[in-house]
All heavy atoms as atom14 arrays in JSON, in Angstrom:
{
  "sequence": "ELHVRDATIQKAGGIDHRGKYLGLTETNTATKNGFSTGLSYIKELG",
  "atom14_mask": [
    [1, 1, 1, 1, 1, 1, 1, 1, 1, 0, 0, 0, 0, 0],
    [1, 1, 1, 1, 1, 1, 1, 1, 0, 0, 0, 0, 0, 0],
    [1, 1, 1, 1, 1, 1, 1, 1, 1, 1, 0, 0, 0, 0],
    [1, 1, 1, 1, 1, 1, 1, 0, 0, 0, 0, 0, 0, 0],
    [1, 1, 1, 1, 1, 1, 1, 1, 1, 1, 1, 0, 0, 0],
    [1, 1, 1, 1, 1, 1, 1, 1, 0, 0, 0, 0, 0, 0],
    [1, 1, 1, 1, 1, 0, 0, 0, 0, 0, 0, 0, 0, 0],
    [1, 1, 1, 1, 1, 1, 1, 0, 0, 0, 0, 0, 0, 0],
    [1, 1, 1, 1, 1, 1, 1, 1, 0, 0, 0, 0, 0, 0],
    [1, 1, 1, 1, 1, 1, 1, 1, 1, 0, 0, 0, 0, 0],
    [1, 1, 1, 1, 1, 1, 1, 1, 1, 0, 0, 0, 0, 0],
    [1, 1, 1, 1, 1, 0, 0, 0, 0, 0, 0, 0, 0, 0],
    [1, 1, 1, 1, 0, 0, 0, 0, 0, 0, 0, 0, 0, 0],
    [1, 1, 1, 1, 0, 0, 0, 0, 0, 0, 0, 0, 0, 0],
    [1, 1, 1, 1, 1, 1, 1, 1, 0, 0, 0, 0, 0, 0],
    [1, 1, 1, 1, 1, 1, 1, 1, 0, 0, 0, 0, 0, 0],
    [1, 1, 1, 1, 1, 1, 1, 1, 1, 1, 0, 0, 0, 0],
    [1, 1, 1, 1, 1, 1, 1, 1, 1, 1, 1, 0, 0, 0],
    [1, 1, 1, 1, 0, 0, 0, 0, 0, 0, 0, 0, 0, 0],
    [1, 1, 1, 1, 1, 1, 1, 1, 1, 0, 0, 0, 0, 0],
    [1, 1, 1, 1, 1, 1, 1, 1, 1, 1, 1, 1, 0, 0],
    [1, 1, 1, 1, 1, 1, 1, 1, 0, 0, 0, 0, 0, 0],
    [1, 1, 1, 1, 0, 0, 0, 0, 0, 0, 0, 0, 0, 0],
    [1, 1, 1, 1, 1, 1, 1, 1, 0, 0, 0, 0, 0, 0],
    [1, 1, 1, 1, 1, 1, 1, 0, 0, 0, 0, 0, 0, 0],
    [1, 1, 1, 1, 1, 1, 1, 1, 1, 0, 0, 0, 0, 0],
    [1, 1, 1, 1, 1, 1, 1, 0, 0, 0, 0, 0, 0, 0],
    [1, 1, 1, 1, 1, 1, 1, 1, 0, 0, 0, 0, 0, 0],
    [1, 1, 1, 1, 1, 1, 1, 0, 0, 0, 0, 0, 0, 0],
    [1, 1, 1, 1, 1, 0, 0, 0, 0, 0, 0, 0, 0, 0],
    [1, 1, 1, 1, 1, 1, 1, 0, 0, 0, 0, 0, 0, 0],
    [1, 1, 1, 1, 1, 1, 1, 1, 1, 0, 0, 0, 0, 0],
    [1, 1, 1, 1, 1, 1, 1, 1, 0, 0, 0, 0, 0, 0],
    [1, 1, 1, 1, 0, 0, 0, 0, 0, 0, 0, 0, 0, 0],
    [1, 1, 1, 1, 1, 1, 1, 1, 1, 1, 1, 0, 0, 0],
    [1, 1, 1, 1, 1, 1, 0, 0, 0, 0, 0, 0, 0, 0],
    [1, 1, 1, 1, 1, 1, 1, 0, 0, 0, 0, 0, 0, 0],
    [1, 1, 1, 1, 0, 0, 0, 0, 0, 0, 0, 0, 0, 0],
    [1, 1, 1, 1, 1, 1, 1, 1, 0, 0, 0, 0, 0, 0],
    [1, 1, 1, 1, 1, 1, 0, 0, 0, 0, 0, 0, 0, 0],
    [1, 1, 1, 1, 1, 1, 1, 1, 1, 1, 1, 1, 0, 0],
    [1, 1, 1, 1, 1, 1, 1, 1, 0, 0, 0, 0, 0, 0],
    [1, 1, 1, 1, 1, 1, 1, 1, 1, 0, 0, 0, 0, 0],
    [1, 1, 1, 1, 1, 1, 1, 1, 1, 0, 0, 0, 0, 0],
    [1, 1, 1, 1, 1, 1, 1, 1, 0, 0, 0, 0, 0, 0],
    [1, 1, 1, 1, 0, 0, 0, 0, 0, 0, 0, 0, 0, 0]
  ],
  "atom14_positions": [
    [[23.33, -2.21, -17.68], [23.42, -3.4, -18.52], [22.55, -3.25, -19.77], [21.36, -2.95, -19.68], [22.99, -4.64, -17.74], [23.21, -5.92, -18.53], [22.66, -7.15, -17.84], [21.58, -7.05, -17.22], [23.29, -8.22, -17.94], [0.0, 0.0, 0.0], [0.0, 0.0, 0.0], [0.0, 0.0, 0.0], [0.0, 0.0, 0.0], [0.0, 0.0, 0.0]],
    [[23.17, -3.53, -20.92], [22.54, -3.2, -22.19], [22.76, -4.32, -23.21], [23.82, -4.95, -23.24], [23.19, -1.91, -22.72], [22.49, -1.1, -23.78], [21.19, -0.52, -23.24], [23.41, 0.03, -24.25], [0.0, 0.0, 0.0], [0.0, 0.0, 0.0], [0.0, 0.0, 0.0], [0.0, 0.0, 0.0], [0.0, 0.0, 0.0], [0.0, 0.0, 0.0]],
    [[21.78, -4.56, -24.06], [21.89, -5.47, -25.19], [21.82, -4.63, -26.46], [20.91, -3.81, -26.61], [20.74, -6.48, -25.13], [20.76, -7.54, -26.19], [20.21, -7.36, -27.43], [21.27, -8.8, -26.18], [20.36, -8.47, -28.16], [20.99, -9.35, -27.41], [0.0, 0.0, 0.0], [0.0, 0.0, 0.0], [0.0, 0.0, 0.0], [0.0, 0.0, 0.0]],
    [[22.77, -4.8, -27.36], [22.87, -3.94, -28.54], [21.54, -3.86, -29.29], [21.06, -2.77, -29.62], [23.99, -4.44, -29.48], [23.93, -3.72, -30.83], [25.35, -4.27, -28.84], [0.0, 0.0, 0.0], [0.0, 0.0, 0.0], [0.0, 0.0, 0.0], [0.0, 0.0, 0.0], [0.0, 0.0, 0.0], [0.0, 0.0, 0.0], [0.0, 0.0, 0.0]],
    [[20.96, -5.0, -29.54], [19.72, -5.03, -30.34], [18.54, -4.48, -29.55], [17.75, -3.69, -30.09], [19.46, -6.47, -30.79], [18.24, -6.66, -31.64], [18.37, -7.95, -32.42], [17.09, -8.5, -32.86], [16.97, -9.56, -33.64], [18.06, -10.18, -34.06], [15.78, -10.01, -34.01], [0.0, 0.0, 0.0], [0.0, 0.0, 0.0], [0.0, 0.0, 0.0]],
    [[18.42, -4.89, -28.29], [17.32, -4.39, -27.46], [17.28, -2.87, -27.44], [16.21, -2.25, -27.47], [17.46, -4.87, -26.01], [17.29, -6.37, -25.86], [17.03, -7.05, -26.86], [17.45, -6.85, -24.72], [0.0, 0.0, 0.0], [0.0, 0.0, 0.0], [0.0, 0.0, 0.0], [0.0, 0.0, 0.0], [0.0, 0.0, 0.0], [0.0, 0.0, 0.0]],
    [[18.46, -2.27, -27.35], [18.55, -0.82, -27.13], [18.1, -0.01, -28.32], [17.68, 1.15, -28.16], [19.99, -0.46, -26.76], [0.0, 0.0, 0.0], [0.0, 0.0, 0.0], [0.0, 0.0, 0.0], [0.0, 0.0, 0.0], [0.0, 0.0, 0.0], [0.0, 0.0, 0.0], [0.0, 0.0, 0.0], [0.0, 0.0, 0.0], [0.0, 0.0, 0.0]],
    [[18.17, -0.59, -29.52], [17.98, 0.24, -30.72], [16.92, -0.29, -31.69], [16.68, 0.33, -32.72], [19.31, 0.35, -31.47], [19.74, -0.97, -31.86], [20.39, 0.99, -30.61], [0.0, 0.0, 0.0], [0.0, 0.0, 0.0], [0.0, 0.0, 0.0], [0.0, 0.0, 0.0], [0.0, 0.0, 0.0], [0.0, 0.0, 0.0], [0.0, 0.0, 0.0]],
    [[16.29, -1.41, -31.39], [15.45, -2.08, -32.38], [14.06, -1.44, -32.53], [13.46, -1.5, -33.62], [15.31, -3.59, -32.05], [14.8, -4.38, -33.27], [14.4, -3.81, -30.86], [15.79, -4.45, -34.4], [0.0, 0.0, 0.0], [0.0, 0.0, 0.0], [0.0, 0.0, 0.0], [0.0, 0.0, 0.0], [0.0, 0.0, 0.0], [0.0, 0.0, 0.0]],
    [[13.55, -0.83, -31.48], [12.17, -0.31, -31.56], [12.11, 0.95, -32.43], [12.88, 1.88, -32.26], [11.62, 0.0, -30.17], [10.12, 0.26, -30.18], [9.6, 0.71, -28.84], [10.08, 1.69, -28.27], [8.61, 0.0, -28.31], [0.0, 0.0, 0.0], [0.0, 0.0, 0.0], [0.0, 0.0, 0.0], [0.0, 0.0, 0.0], [0.0, 0.0, 0.0]],
    [[11.19, 0.96, -33.34], [11.05, 2.09, -34.27], [10.78, 3.39, -33.54], [11.24, 4.46, -33.96], [9.92, 1.79, -35.26], [9.83, 2.77, -36.41], [8.78, 2.33, -37.43], [8.72, 3.3, -38.6], [7.7, 2.87, -39.6], [0.0, 0.0, 0.0], [0.0, 0.0, 0.0], [0.0, 0.0, 0.0], [0.0, 0.0, 0.0], [0.0, 0.0, 0.0]],
    [[10.05, 3.32, -32.42], [9.7, 4.53, -31.67], [10.93, 5.24, -31.12], [10.84, 6.42, -30.73], [8.75, 4.18, -30.52], [0.0, 0.0, 0.0], [0.0, 0.0, 0.0], [0.0, 0.0, 0.0], [0.0, 0.0, 0.0], [0.0, 0.0, 0.0], [0.0, 0.0, 0.0], [0.0, 0.0, 0.0], [0.0, 0.0, 0.0], [0.0, 0.0, 0.0]],
    [[12.08, 4.56, -31.1], [13.29, 5.19, -30.59], [13.91, 6.2, -31.53], [14.83, 6.94, -31.13], [0.0, 0.0, 0.0], [0.0, 0.0, 0.0], [0.0, 0.0, 0.0], [0.0, 0.0, 0.0], [0.0, 0.0, 0.0], [0.0, 0.0, 0.0], [0.0, 0.0, 0.0], [0.0, 0.0, 0.0], [0.0, 0.0, 0.0], [0.0, 0.0, 0.0]],
    [[13.43, 6.25, -32.77], [13.94, 7.24, -33.71], [15.38, 6.98, -34.13], [16.09, 7.92, -34.54], [0.0, 0.0, 0.0], [0.0, 0.0, 0.0], [0.0, 0.0, 0.0], [0.0, 0.0, 0.0], [0.0, 0.0, 0.0], [0.0, 0.0, 0.0], [0.0, 0.0, 0.0], [0.0, 0.0, 0.0], [0.0, 0.0, 0.0], [0.0, 0.0, 0.0]],
    [[15.81, 5.74, -34.05], [17.19, 5.38, -34.38], [17.21, 4.79, -35.78], [16.39, 3.93, -36.12], [17.74, 4.38, -33.34], [17.83, 5.07, -31.97], [19.09, 3.82, -33.75], [18.07, 4.12, -30.81], [0.0, 0.0, 0.0], [0.0, 0.0, 0.0], [0.0, 0.0, 0.0], [0.0, 0.0, 0.0], [0.0, 0.0, 0.0], [0.0, 0.0, 0.0]],
    [[18.16, 5.22, -36.6], [18.22, 4.77, -37.99], [18.73, 3.34, -38.11], [18.14, 2.52, -38.81], [19.11, 5.71, -38.81], [18.49, 7.09, -38.97], [17.25, 7.19, -38.97], [19.25, 8.07, -39.08], [0.0, 0.0, 0.0], [0.0, 0.0, 0.0], [0.0, 0.0, 0.0], [0.0, 0.0, 0.0], [0.0, 0.0, 0.0], [0.0, 0.0, 0.0]],
    [[19.86, 3.06, -37.46], [20.48, 1.73, -37.57], [19.93, 0.83, -36.46], [20.62, 0.52, -35.49], [22.0, 1.85, -37.49], [22.6, 2.63, -38.62], [22.85, 3.99, -38.51], [22.98, 2.26, -39.87], [23.38, 4.42, -39.64], [23.47, 3.39, -40.49], [0.0, 0.0, 0.0], [0.0, 0.0, 0.0], [0.0, 0.0, 0.0], [0.0, 0.0, 0.0]],
    [[18.7, 0.42, -36.64], [18.03, -0.33, -35.57], [18.61, -1.73, -35.43], [18.8, -2.44, -36.42], [16.52, -0.38, -35.83], [15.87, 0.99, -35.73], [14.37, 0.92, -35.68], [13.8, 0.52, -36.95], [12.92, -0.47, -37.11], [12.52, -1.16, -36.05], [12.44, -0.76, -38.29], [0.0, 0.0, 0.0], [0.0, 0.0, 0.0], [0.0, 0.0, 0.0]],
    [[18.92, -2.12, -34.2], [19.46, -3.44, -33.92], [20.93, -3.61, -34.27], [21.43, -4.74, -34.28], [0.0, 0.0, 0.0], [0.0, 0.0, 0.0], [0.0, 0.0, 0.0], [0.0, 0.0, 0.0], [0.0, 0.0, 0.0], [0.0, 0.0, 0.0], [0.0, 0.0, 0.0], [0.0, 0.0, 0.0], [0.0, 0.0, 0.0], [0.0, 0.0, 0.0]],
    [[21.63, -2.51, -34.51], [23.0, -2.58, -34.99], [23.96, -1.84, -34.05], [23.56, -0.99, -33.27], [23.12, -1.97, -36.4], [22.15, -2.56, -37.41], [22.38, -4.06, -37.63], [21.42, -4.64, -38.66], [21.57, -6.1, -38.8], [0.0, 0.0, 0.0], [0.0, 0.0, 0.0], [0.0, 0.0, 0.0], [0.0, 0.0, 0.0], [0.0, 0.0, 0.0]],
    [[25.26, -2.17, -34.21], [26.28, -1.41, -33.48], [26.12, 0.08, -33.74], [26.2, 0.9, -32.81], [27.68, -1.83, -33.93], [28.07, -3.26, -33.66], [28.37, -4.12, -34.71], [28.19, -3.75, -32.36], [28.75, -5.44, -34.48], [28.57, -5.06, -32.12], [28.85, -5.91, -33.19], [29.22, -7.21, -32.95], [0.0, 0.0, 0.0], [0.0, 0.0, 0.0]],
    [[25.91, 0.44, -35.0], [25.85, 1.85, -35.36], [24.66, 2.56, -34.73], [24.67, 3.79, -34.6], [25.81, 2.01, -36.88], [27.09, 1.6, -37.64], [26.95, 1.9, -39.12], [28.31, 2.31, -37.07], [0.0, 0.0, 0.0], [0.0, 0.0, 0.0], [0.0, 0.0, 0.0], [0.0, 0.0, 0.0], [0.0, 0.0, 0.0], [0.0, 0.0, 0.0]],
    [[23.63, 1.81, -34.36], [22.5, 2.44, -33.68], [22.92, 3.09, -32.38], [22.31, 4.09, -31.95], [0.0, 0.0, 0.0], [0.0, 0.0, 0.0], [0.0, 0.0, 0.0], [0.0, 0.0, 0.0], [0.0, 0.0, 0.0], [0.0, 0.0, 0.0], [0.0, 0.0, 0.0], [0.0, 0.0, 0.0], [0.0, 0.0, 0.0], [0.0, 0.0, 0.0]],
    [[23.95, 2.54, -31.74], [24.43, 3.1, -30.48], [25.54, 4.12, -30.69], [26.2, 4.54, -29.74], [24.91, 1.98, -29.56], [23.76, 1.19, -28.91], [24.27, -0.08, -28.24], [23.01, 2.05, -27.89], [0.0, 0.0, 0.0], [0.0, 0.0, 0.0], [0.0, 0.0, 0.0], [0.0, 0.0, 0.0], [0.0, 0.0, 0.0], [0.0, 0.0, 0.0]],
    [[25.75, 4.54, -31.94], [26.65, 5.66, -32.21], [25.87, 6.93, -32.51], [26.43, 8.03, -32.51], [27.57, 5.37, -33.41], [26.79, 5.35, -34.62], [28.3, 4.04, -33.24], [0.0, 0.0, 0.0], [0.0, 0.0, 0.0], [0.0, 0.0, 0.0], [0.0, 0.0, 0.0], [0.0, 0.0, 0.0], [0.0, 0.0, 0.0], [0.0, 0.0, 0.0]],
    [[24.58, 6.79, -32.78], [23.77, 7.94, -33.17], [23.48, 8.83, -31.96], [23.13, 8.34, -30.89], [22.46, 7.46, -33.8], [22.65, 6.64, -35.07], [21.34, 6.09, -35.61], [20.3, 6.78, -35.47], [21.34, 4.97, -36.16], [0.0, 0.0, 0.0], [0.0, 0.0, 0.0], [0.0, 0.0, 0.0], [0.0, 0.0, 0.0], [0.0, 0.0, 0.0]],
    [[23.62, 10.11, -32.16], [23.35, 11.07, -31.08], [22.09, 11.87, -31.39], [21.63, 11.93, -32.53], [24.54, 12.03, -30.91], [24.83, 12.67, -32.15], [25.79, 11.27, -30.46], [0.0, 0.0, 0.0], [0.0, 0.0, 0.0], [0.0, 0.0, 0.0], [0.0, 0.0, 0.0], [0.0, 0.0, 0.0], [0.0, 0.0, 0.0], [0.0, 0.0, 0.0]],
    [[21.54, 12.44, -30.34], [20.35, 13.3, -30.45], [19.14, 12.55, -31.03], [18.29, 13.15, -31.68], [20.65, 14.55, -31.29], [21.78, 15.36, -30.7], [21.84, 15.57, -29.48], [22.7, 15.8, -31.54], [0.0, 0.0, 0.0], [0.0, 0.0, 0.0], [0.0, 0.0, 0.0], [0.0, 0.0, 0.0], [0.0, 0.0, 0.0], [0.0, 0.0, 0.0]],
    [[19.08, 11.25, -30.78], [17.9, 10.5, -31.19], [16.79, 10.72, -30.16], [17.06, 10.94, -28.98], [18.2, 9.0, -31.32], [18.7, 8.51, -30.06], [19.25, 8.75, -32.39], [0.0, 0.0, 0.0], [0.0, 0.0, 0.0], [0.0, 0.0, 0.0], [0.0, 0.0, 0.0], [0.0, 0.0, 0.0], [0.0, 0.0, 0.0], [0.0, 0.0, 0.0]],
    [[15.55, 10.62, -30.61], [14.43, 10.93, -29.7], [13.15, 10.3, -30.22], [13.04, 9.92, -31.39], [14.26, 12.45, -29.59], [0.0, 0.0, 0.0], [0.0, 0.0, 0.0], [0.0, 0.0, 0.0], [0.0, 0.0, 0.0], [0.0, 0.0, 0.0], [0.0, 0.0, 0.0], [0.0, 0.0, 0.0], [0.0, 0.0, 0.0], [0.0, 0.0, 0.0]],
    [[12.17, 10.22, -29.33], [10.83, 9.81, -29.73], [10.18, 10.96, -30.5], [10.72, 12.07, -30.59], [9.98, 9.48, -28.5], [9.81, 10.68, -27.72], [10.64, 8.42, -27.63], [0.0, 0.0, 0.0], [0.0, 0.0, 0.0], [0.0, 0.0, 0.0], [0.0, 0.0, 0.0], [0.0, 0.0, 0.0], [0.0, 0.0, 0.0], [0.0, 0.0, 0.0]],
    [[9.0, 10.7, -31.05], [8.31, 11.75, -31.8], [8.02, 12.98, -30.95], [7.92, 14.1, -31.45], [7.01, 11.19, -32.39], [7.23, 10.24, -33.55], [5.9, 9.77, -34.13], [6.12, 8.84, -35.32], [4.83, 8.37, -35.9], [0.0, 0.0, 0.0], [0.0, 0.0, 0.0], [0.0, 0.0, 0.0], [0.0, 0.0, 0.0], [0.0, 0.0, 0.0]],
    [[7.88, 12.76, -29.64], [7.58, 13.88, -28.74], [8.84, 14.49, -28.13], [8.75, 15.29, -27.2], [6.64, 13.42, -27.63], [5.27, 13.07, -28.17], [4.75, 13.75, -29.06], [4.68, 12.0, -27.66], [0.0, 0.0, 0.0], [0.0, 0.0, 0.0], [0.0, 0.0, 0.0], [0.0, 0.0, 0.0], [0.0, 0.0, 0.0], [0.0, 0.0, 0.0]],
    [[10.01, 14.09, -28.64], [11.23, 14.76, -28.24], [11.93, 14.2, -27.02], [12.86, 14.84, -26.49], [0.0, 0.0, 0.0], [0.0, 0.0, 0.0], [0.0, 0.0, 0.0], [0.0, 0.0, 0.0], [0.0, 0.0, 0.0], [0.0, 0.0, 0.0], [0.0, 0.0, 0.0], [0.0, 0.0, 0.0], [0.0, 0.0, 0.0], [0.0, 0.0, 0.0]],
    [[11.54, 13.03, -26.55], [12.21, 12.43, -25.4], [13.42, 11.62, -25.89], [13.31, 10.8, -26.79], [11.25, 11.53, -24.62], [10.19, 12.29, -23.86], [9.04, 12.72, -24.49], [10.36, 12.57, -22.51], [8.06, 13.42, -23.8], [9.4, 13.27, -21.8], [8.25, 13.7, -22.44], [0.0, 0.0, 0.0], [0.0, 0.0, 0.0], [0.0, 0.0, 0.0]],
    [[14.56, 11.86, -25.27], [15.82, 11.27, -25.72], [15.77, 9.75, -25.69], [15.1, 9.13, -24.86], [16.97, 11.76, -24.85], [16.77, 11.4, -23.5], [0.0, 0.0, 0.0], [0.0, 0.0, 0.0], [0.0, 0.0, 0.0], [0.0, 0.0, 0.0], [0.0, 0.0, 0.0], [0.0, 0.0, 0.0], [0.0, 0.0, 0.0], [0.0, 0.0, 0.0]],
    [[16.51, 9.13, -26.61], [16.61, 7.68, -26.69], [18.06, 7.3, -26.95], [18.93, 8.16, -27.15], [15.73, 7.13, -27.83], [16.23, 7.63, -29.08], [14.28, 7.53, -27.68], [0.0, 0.0, 0.0], [0.0, 0.0, 0.0], [0.0, 0.0, 0.0], [0.0, 0.0, 0.0], [0.0, 0.0, 0.0], [0.0, 0.0, 0.0], [0.0, 0.0, 0.0]],
    [[18.33, 6.0, -26.94], [19.63, 5.5, -27.34], [20.79, 6.06, -26.54], [20.7, 6.27, -25.33], [0.0, 0.0, 0.0], [0.0, 0.0, 0.0], [0.0, 0.0, 0.0], [0.0, 0.0, 0.0], [0.0, 0.0, 0.0], [0.0, 0.0, 0.0], [0.0, 0.0, 0.0], [0.0, 0.0, 0.0], [0.0, 0.0, 0.0], [0.0, 0.0, 0.0]],
    [[21.89, 6.31, -27.24], [23.1, 6.79, -26.61], [22.87, 8.1, -25.86], [23.38, 8.29, -24.74], [24.2, 6.97, -27.66], [25.53, 7.57, -27.18], [26.18, 6.68, -26.13], [26.47, 7.75, -28.37], [0.0, 0.0, 0.0], [0.0, 0.0, 0.0], [0.0, 0.0, 0.0], [0.0, 0.0, 0.0], [0.0, 0.0, 0.0], [0.0, 0.0, 0.0]],
    [[22.11, 9.0, -26.44], [21.86, 10.3, -25.79], [21.13, 10.11, -24.47], [21.44, 10.78, -23.47], [21.06, 11.21, -26.72], [21.81, 11.53, -27.87], [0.0, 0.0, 0.0], [0.0, 0.0, 0.0], [0.0, 0.0, 0.0], [0.0, 0.0, 0.0], [0.0, 0.0, 0.0], [0.0, 0.0, 0.0], [0.0, 0.0, 0.0], [0.0, 0.0, 0.0]],
    [[20.17, 9.22, -24.45], [19.44, 8.95, -23.2], [20.37, 8.37, -22.14], [20.34, 8.79, -20.97], [18.28, 8.0, -23.46], [17.67, 7.47, -22.18], [16.77, 8.25, -21.44], [18.02, 6.22, -21.68], [16.24, 7.79, -20.25], [17.49, 5.76, -20.5], [16.6, 6.54, -19.77], [16.09, 6.09, -18.59], [0.0, 0.0, 0.0], [0.0, 0.0, 0.0]],
    [[21.18, 7.4, -22.53], [22.08, 6.76, -21.57], [23.04, 7.8, -20.98], [23.31, 7.79, -19.77], [22.85, 5.61, -22.24], [21.86, 4.53, -22.72], [23.86, 5.0, -21.28], [22.49, 3.5, -23.64], [0.0, 0.0, 0.0], [0.0, 0.0, 0.0], [0.0, 0.0, 0.0], [0.0, 0.0, 0.0], [0.0, 0.0, 0.0], [0.0, 0.0, 0.0]],
    [[23.54, 8.67, -21.81], [24.44, 9.73, -21.31], [23.71, 10.64, -20.33], [24.23, 10.98, -19.26], [24.99, 10.54, -22.47], [25.93, 11.67, -22.04], [26.53, 12.37, -23.24], [27.35, 13.58, -22.81], [28.48, 13.22, -21.92], [0.0, 0.0, 0.0], [0.0, 0.0, 0.0], [0.0, 0.0, 0.0], [0.0, 0.0, 0.0], [0.0, 0.0, 0.0]],
    [[22.48, 11.03, -20.66], [21.7, 11.91, -19.78], [21.4, 11.25, -18.44], [21.39, 11.91, -17.41], [20.38, 12.29, -20.46], [20.51, 13.25, -21.61], [19.18, 13.45, -22.33], [18.14, 13.01, -21.79], [19.18, 14.04, -23.43], [0.0, 0.0, 0.0], [0.0, 0.0, 0.0], [0.0, 0.0, 0.0], [0.0, 0.0, 0.0], [0.0, 0.0, 0.0]],
    [[21.18, 9.94, -18.46], [20.85, 9.23, -17.22], [21.99, 9.35, -16.21], [21.75, 9.48, -15.01], [20.55, 7.77, -17.53], [20.01, 6.92, -16.39], [18.65, 7.43, -15.91], [19.91, 5.45, -16.82], [0.0, 0.0, 0.0], [0.0, 0.0, 0.0], [0.0, 0.0, 0.0], [0.0, 0.0, 0.0], [0.0, 0.0, 0.0], [0.0, 0.0, 0.0]],
    [[23.22, 9.29, -16.7], [24.35, 9.56, -15.82], [25.18, 8.36, -15.4], [26.13, 8.52, -14.62], [0.0, 0.0, 0.0], [0.0, 0.0, 0.0], [0.0, 0.0, 0.0], [0.0, 0.0, 0.0], [0.0, 0.0, 0.0], [0.0, 0.0, 0.0], [0.0, 0.0, 0.0], [0.0, 0.0, 0.0], [0.0, 0.0, 0.0], [0.0, 0.0, 0.0]]
  ]
}
């Protein structure tokens, strides 16, 4: 269960379109230390 804005709004997520539909289209997003975020993280989770 996901909320569009919740998923992408935090700056630490490394997502450009924060709080937007397009934020959940971005791939290979990550924290500064390289941990996956956003769509890529959800896909990895399974």
